[in-house]
Amino acid sequence: LDSNGIGFMSDLIEGIDYVTQHAKEIEVVNLSFGGDGSSEALHTAIIKSVSAGVTYAAAAGNVGKDASTVIPASFPEVIAVSAIVDTDGKCGSKSTSTTFGNDDTFASFSNYGSVIDMAAPGVLIKTTTIGDSYTSFTGTSASTPHVSGAAALYKSEHPSATPSNIINALRSLGSLPATACDGKGHGYFTGDRDNTVEPLLYIGSGSSSPSPSPSPSPSTCTANLPISGVTANGNDAGYPP
């Protein structure tokens, strides 16, 4: 895409195909773009990429409508992400309100609907910018990277997980309306514009991440250790030891 966020569908497809060719190196992709319409070619490219083991998260869009016509978010192979207002990182709507809604509410601009898989914070999200500085931005393009990051984290802890495994895991770990607020973020939001209840991204306690192995006890070396001789044997594909 150019500096205004506009580009050709063919270039997007070429990018997806590149990812598929490098699926052993690229495991999660964030798609913070979208548009109305259809593209069988883009859909086919993403299907092939997911089949190669790549997990995709896609922005639902920012015009306050049903996302069923938005691509790539409406493709069933991706994680479609809507946006909420969350100004303190905690549940309970106790913090600052914004022009897009109160804390812990569905963002007024966010698309919605049955194609949405997850919700995540997408208002006044801090990020880096040019000139060694920081800024904040708003939109489902800001909420989607939260989910992409969570997918990458889950994949790092479960290397054999497939894209469908990751989607199911994030959805099962997410908060729902009945989830009790724990004061640390594990709660839900209000004001969704439809009757489709999507989980709110949550990766705190309750995830199945493995416990870290204890570090070995440190040892101390106070002198050089002389080596009197070295021997080796074996042969690997024609290379001597």
Protein backbone atom coordinates (compact mmCIF):
# COMPACT_ATOMS: atom_id res chain seq x y z
CA LEU A 1 0.00 0.00 0.00
CA ASP A 2 1.13 3.58 -0.57
CA SER A 3 1.49 6.31 2.06
CA ASN A 4 -2.26 6.93 1.88
CA GLY A 5 -3.10 3.28 2.46
CA ILE A 6 -4.22 2.67 -1.12
CA GLY A 7 -2.96 -0.14 -3.32
CA PHE A 8 -3.70 -2.79 -5.89
CA MET A 9 -5.32 -6.11 -5.03
CA SER A 10 -2.68 -7.82 -7.17
CA ASP A 11 0.07 -6.45 -4.91
CA LEU A 12 -1.74 -7.69 -1.80
CA ILE A 13 -2.09 -11.14 -3.34
CA GLU A 14 1.59 -11.12 -4.26
CA GLY A 15 2.39 -10.33 -0.63
CA ILE A 16 0.22 -13.20 0.61
CA ASP A 17 1.90 -15.54 -1.87
CA TYR A 18 5.31 -14.42 -0.59
CA VAL A 19 4.25 -15.29 2.94
CA THR A 20 3.06 -18.72 1.79
CA GLN A 21 6.41 -19.37 0.11
CA HIS A 22 8.10 -18.53 3.42
CA ALA A 23 5.60 -20.26 5.70
CA LYS A 24 8.40 -22.00 7.58
CA GLU A 25 9.67 -18.58 8.68
CA ILE A 26 6.46 -16.54 8.91
CA GLU A 27 3.84 -18.02 11.21
CA VAL A 28 1.45 -15.11 11.95
CA VAL A 29 0.39 -12.22 9.72
CA ASN A 30 -1.47 -9.03 10.64
CA LEU A 31 -3.84 -7.64 7.98
CA SER A 32 -4.73 -4.12 9.10
CA PHE A 33 -6.49 -3.25 5.87
CA GLY A 34 -9.78 -3.99 4.22
CA GLY A 35 -12.39 -2.92 1.74
CA ASP A 36 -15.89 -3.65 0.52
CA GLY A 37 -16.48 -6.14 -2.23
CA SER A 38 -15.18 -9.56 -3.09
CA SER A 39 -12.00 -11.10 -4.43
CA GLU A 40 -11.87 -14.79 -5.09
CA ALA A 41 -8.18 -14.45 -5.95
CA LEU A 42 -7.34 -12.89 -2.57
CA HIS A 43 -9.47 -15.46 -0.79
CA THR A 44 -7.76 -18.32 -2.60
CA ALA A 45 -4.33 -16.91 -1.75
CA ILE A 46 -5.22 -16.74 1.95
CA ILE A 47 -6.72 -20.24 1.92
CA LYS A 48 -3.46 -21.60 0.50
CA SER A 49 -1.44 -19.66 3.06
CA VAL A 50 -3.51 -20.92 5.99
CA SER A 51 -3.17 -24.45 4.62
CA ALA A 52 0.59 -23.90 4.74
CA GLY A 53 0.32 -23.15 8.48
CA VAL A 54 0.10 -19.34 8.60
CA THR A 55 -2.37 -17.68 10.98
CA TYR A 56 -4.02 -14.44 9.83
CA ALA A 57 -5.78 -11.70 11.83
CA ALA A 58 -7.76 -9.08 9.89
CA ALA A 59 -9.28 -5.71 10.78
CA ALA A 60 -13.09 -5.60 10.73
CA GLY A 61 -13.26 -2.00 9.46
CA ASN A 62 -14.16 1.39 10.86
CA VAL A 63 -17.49 2.55 9.44
CA GLY A 64 -19.87 1.14 12.04
CA LYS A 65 -21.55 -1.43 9.84
CA ASP A 66 -21.92 -5.16 9.48
CA ALA A 67 -18.56 -6.55 8.38
CA SER A 68 -20.03 -9.35 6.26
CA THR A 69 -19.04 -7.53 3.04
CA VAL A 70 -15.56 -6.47 4.22
CA ILE A 71 -12.58 -8.40 2.88
CA PRO A 72 -10.40 -10.01 4.07
CA ALA A 73 -12.15 -9.86 7.49
CA SER A 74 -15.19 -11.74 6.22
CA PHE A 75 -13.09 -14.69 5.03
CA PRO A 76 -13.71 -17.56 7.48
CA GLU A 77 -10.03 -18.54 7.44
CA VAL A 78 -8.89 -15.33 9.22
CA ILE A 79 -9.47 -13.99 12.74
CA ALA A 80 -11.72 -10.95 12.21
CA VAL A 81 -11.19 -8.34 14.92
CA SER A 82 -13.47 -5.54 16.13
CA ALA A 83 -12.45 -2.69 18.44
CA ILE A 84 -13.34 -1.61 21.95
CA VAL A 85 -12.40 1.42 24.03
CA ASP A 86 -10.02 0.47 26.85
CA THR A 87 -8.16 3.40 28.36
CA ASP A 88 -6.70 1.71 31.45
CA GLY A 89 -6.10 -1.93 30.55
CA LYS A 90 -8.55 -3.03 33.25
CA CYS A 91 -12.18 -4.07 33.25
CA GLY A 92 -15.00 -2.20 34.92
CA SER A 93 -15.31 1.05 32.92
CA LYS A 94 -13.51 3.10 35.53
CA SER A 95 -11.26 5.26 33.39
CA THR A 96 -11.33 8.07 30.85
CA SER A 97 -14.06 8.36 28.24
CA THR A 98 -13.22 9.15 24.61
CA THR A 99 -14.99 10.57 21.59
CA PHE A 100 -15.46 6.95 20.47
CA GLY A 101 -17.12 5.81 23.68
CA ASN A 102 -16.59 5.28 27.37
CA ASP A 103 -13.94 3.00 28.80
CA ASP A 104 -14.79 -0.68 28.30
CA THR A 105 -17.42 -0.13 25.63
CA PHE A 106 -17.67 -1.15 21.99
CA ALA A 107 -15.96 1.52 19.86
CA SER A 108 -18.54 3.60 18.03
CA PHE A 109 -16.72 3.33 14.68
CA SER A 110 -16.05 -0.42 14.77
CA ASN A 111 -17.70 -2.78 12.32
CA TYR A 112 -19.54 -5.69 13.87
CA GLY A 113 -21.55 -8.78 12.94
CA SER A 114 -21.48 -12.55 12.82
CA VAL A 115 -18.16 -12.67 10.97
CA ILE A 116 -16.31 -11.10 13.92
CA ASP A 117 -14.17 -13.57 15.86
CA MET A 118 -12.67 -11.41 18.59
CA ALA A 119 -12.66 -7.90 20.05
CA ALA A 120 -9.56 -6.07 21.29
CA PRO A 121 -8.57 -2.53 22.35
CA GLY A 122 -8.48 -0.18 19.37
CA VAL A 123 -8.77 3.39 20.65
CA LEU A 124 -5.80 5.68 21.39
CA ILE A 125 -3.30 2.82 21.16
CA LYS A 126 0.30 3.87 21.73
CA THR A 127 2.75 3.08 18.95
CA THR A 128 6.05 4.21 17.50
CA THR A 129 6.29 6.80 14.75
CA ILE A 130 8.94 8.38 12.55
CA GLY A 131 11.55 10.58 14.19
CA ASP A 132 12.29 8.30 17.15
CA SER A 133 9.00 9.26 18.71
CA TYR A 134 5.69 7.85 19.86
CA THR A 135 2.09 8.54 18.95
CA SER A 136 -1.31 6.93 19.32
CA PHE A 137 -3.79 5.80 16.72
CA THR A 138 -7.34 4.52 16.61
CA GLY A 139 -9.20 1.93 14.56
CA THR A 140 -9.60 -1.79 14.07
CA SER A 141 -6.15 -1.54 12.49
CA ALA A 142 -4.99 -0.91 16.06
CA SER A 143 -7.03 -3.68 17.66
CA THR A 144 -6.00 -6.37 15.18
CA PRO A 145 -2.28 -6.35 16.10
CA HIS A 146 -3.22 -7.21 19.69
CA VAL A 147 -4.74 -10.44 18.38
CA SER A 148 -1.85 -11.07 15.99
CA GLY A 149 0.55 -10.73 18.90
CA ALA A 150 -1.52 -13.10 21.02
CA ALA A 151 -1.56 -15.62 18.16
CA ALA A 152 2.23 -15.40 17.87
CA LEU A 153 2.61 -15.82 21.62
CA TYR A 154 0.39 -18.89 21.62
CA LYS A 155 2.26 -20.35 18.64
CA SER A 156 5.59 -19.82 20.41
CA GLU A 157 4.30 -21.80 23.39
CA HIS A 158 2.56 -24.46 21.26
CA PRO A 159 4.80 -24.97 18.19
CA SER A 160 2.64 -27.72 16.71
CA ALA A 161 -0.56 -25.67 16.83
CA THR A 162 -2.34 -25.16 13.51
CA PRO A 163 -4.11 -21.90 12.57
CA SER A 164 -7.46 -23.43 13.55
CA ASN A 165 -5.97 -24.59 16.86
CA ILE A 166 -4.78 -21.04 17.55
CA ILE A 167 -8.11 -19.44 16.66
CA ASN A 168 -10.00 -21.88 18.86
CA ALA A 169 -7.58 -21.39 21.74
CA LEU A 170 -7.77 -17.59 21.67
CA ARG A 171 -11.55 -17.71 21.48
CA SER A 172 -11.80 -20.18 24.36
CA LEU A 173 -9.43 -18.12 26.51
CA GLY A 174 -11.21 -14.84 25.73
CA SER A 175 -13.63 -13.06 28.04
CA LEU A 176 -17.41 -13.28 27.56
CA PRO A 177 -20.28 -11.25 29.06
CA ALA A 178 -20.55 -13.63 32.02
CA THR A 179 -16.82 -13.35 32.81
CA ALA A 180 -16.29 -11.79 36.22
CA CYS A 181 -14.14 -8.68 36.35
CA ASP A 182 -10.93 -9.46 38.22
CA GLY A 183 -9.64 -5.88 38.27
CA LYS A 184 -6.70 -6.77 36.03
CA GLY A 185 -8.33 -6.97 32.62
CA HIS A 186 -10.31 -10.20 32.72
CA GLY A 187 -13.81 -8.86 32.13
CA TYR A 188 -16.00 -7.84 29.21
CA PHE A 189 -17.30 -4.72 27.49
CA THR A 190 -20.72 -3.18 26.88
CA GLY A 191 -22.50 -1.55 23.97
CA ASP A 192 -21.99 -4.11 21.21
CA ARG A 193 -24.25 -3.29 18.28
CA ASP A 194 -25.52 -6.79 17.57
CA ASN A 195 -26.52 -10.01 19.26
CA THR A 196 -23.35 -11.84 18.22
CA VAL A 197 -21.14 -12.24 21.27
CA GLU A 198 -17.48 -12.26 20.30
CA PRO A 199 -14.81 -13.02 22.92
CA LEU A 200 -12.71 -10.15 24.19
CA LEU A 201 -9.01 -10.96 23.77
CA TYR A 202 -7.48 -12.10 27.04
CA ILE A 203 -4.08 -13.73 27.55
CA GLY A 204 -3.64 -13.39 31.31
CA SER A 205 -4.00 -16.10 33.94
CA GLY A 206 -5.80 -19.16 32.72
CA SER A 207 -3.69 -19.63 29.61
CA SER A 208 -1.91 -22.92 29.24
CA SER A 209 1.60 -21.58 28.84
CA PRO A 210 4.31 -23.88 30.13
CA SER A 211 6.19 -23.07 33.31
CA PRO A 212 9.76 -21.94 32.74
CA SER A 213 12.49 -24.42 33.62
CA PRO A 214 14.60 -23.47 36.63
CA SER A 215 17.96 -21.95 35.80
CA PRO A 216 20.99 -24.10 36.61
CA SER A 217 23.06 -23.10 39.60
CA PRO A 218 25.94 -20.83 38.57
CA SER A 219 29.47 -22.16 38.78
CA THR A 220 32.73 -20.34 39.20
CA CYS A 221 35.92 -20.84 37.23
CA THR A 222 38.98 -19.31 38.85
CA ALA A 223 41.69 -20.55 36.48
CA ASN A 224 42.27 -21.66 32.92
CA LEU A 225 41.73 -25.36 32.35
CA PRO A 226 44.52 -26.95 30.26
CA ILE A 227 43.56 -29.30 27.43
CA SER A 228 46.18 -31.98 26.80
CA GLY A 229 44.62 -33.49 23.70
CA VAL A 230 41.47 -33.91 21.63
CA THR A 231 40.23 -36.86 19.62
CA ALA A 232 37.22 -37.17 17.32
CA ASN A 233 35.67 -39.90 15.23
CA GLY A 234 32.76 -40.42 12.88
CA ASN A 235 31.90 -39.17 9.44
CA ASP A 236 28.90 -37.03 8.43
CA ALA A 237 27.94 -37.10 4.74
CA GLY A 238 31.51 -37.20 3.56
CA TYR A 239 32.86 -34.53 5.94
CA PRO A 240 35.71 -35.60 8.25
CA PRO A 241 35.43 -34.73 11.93
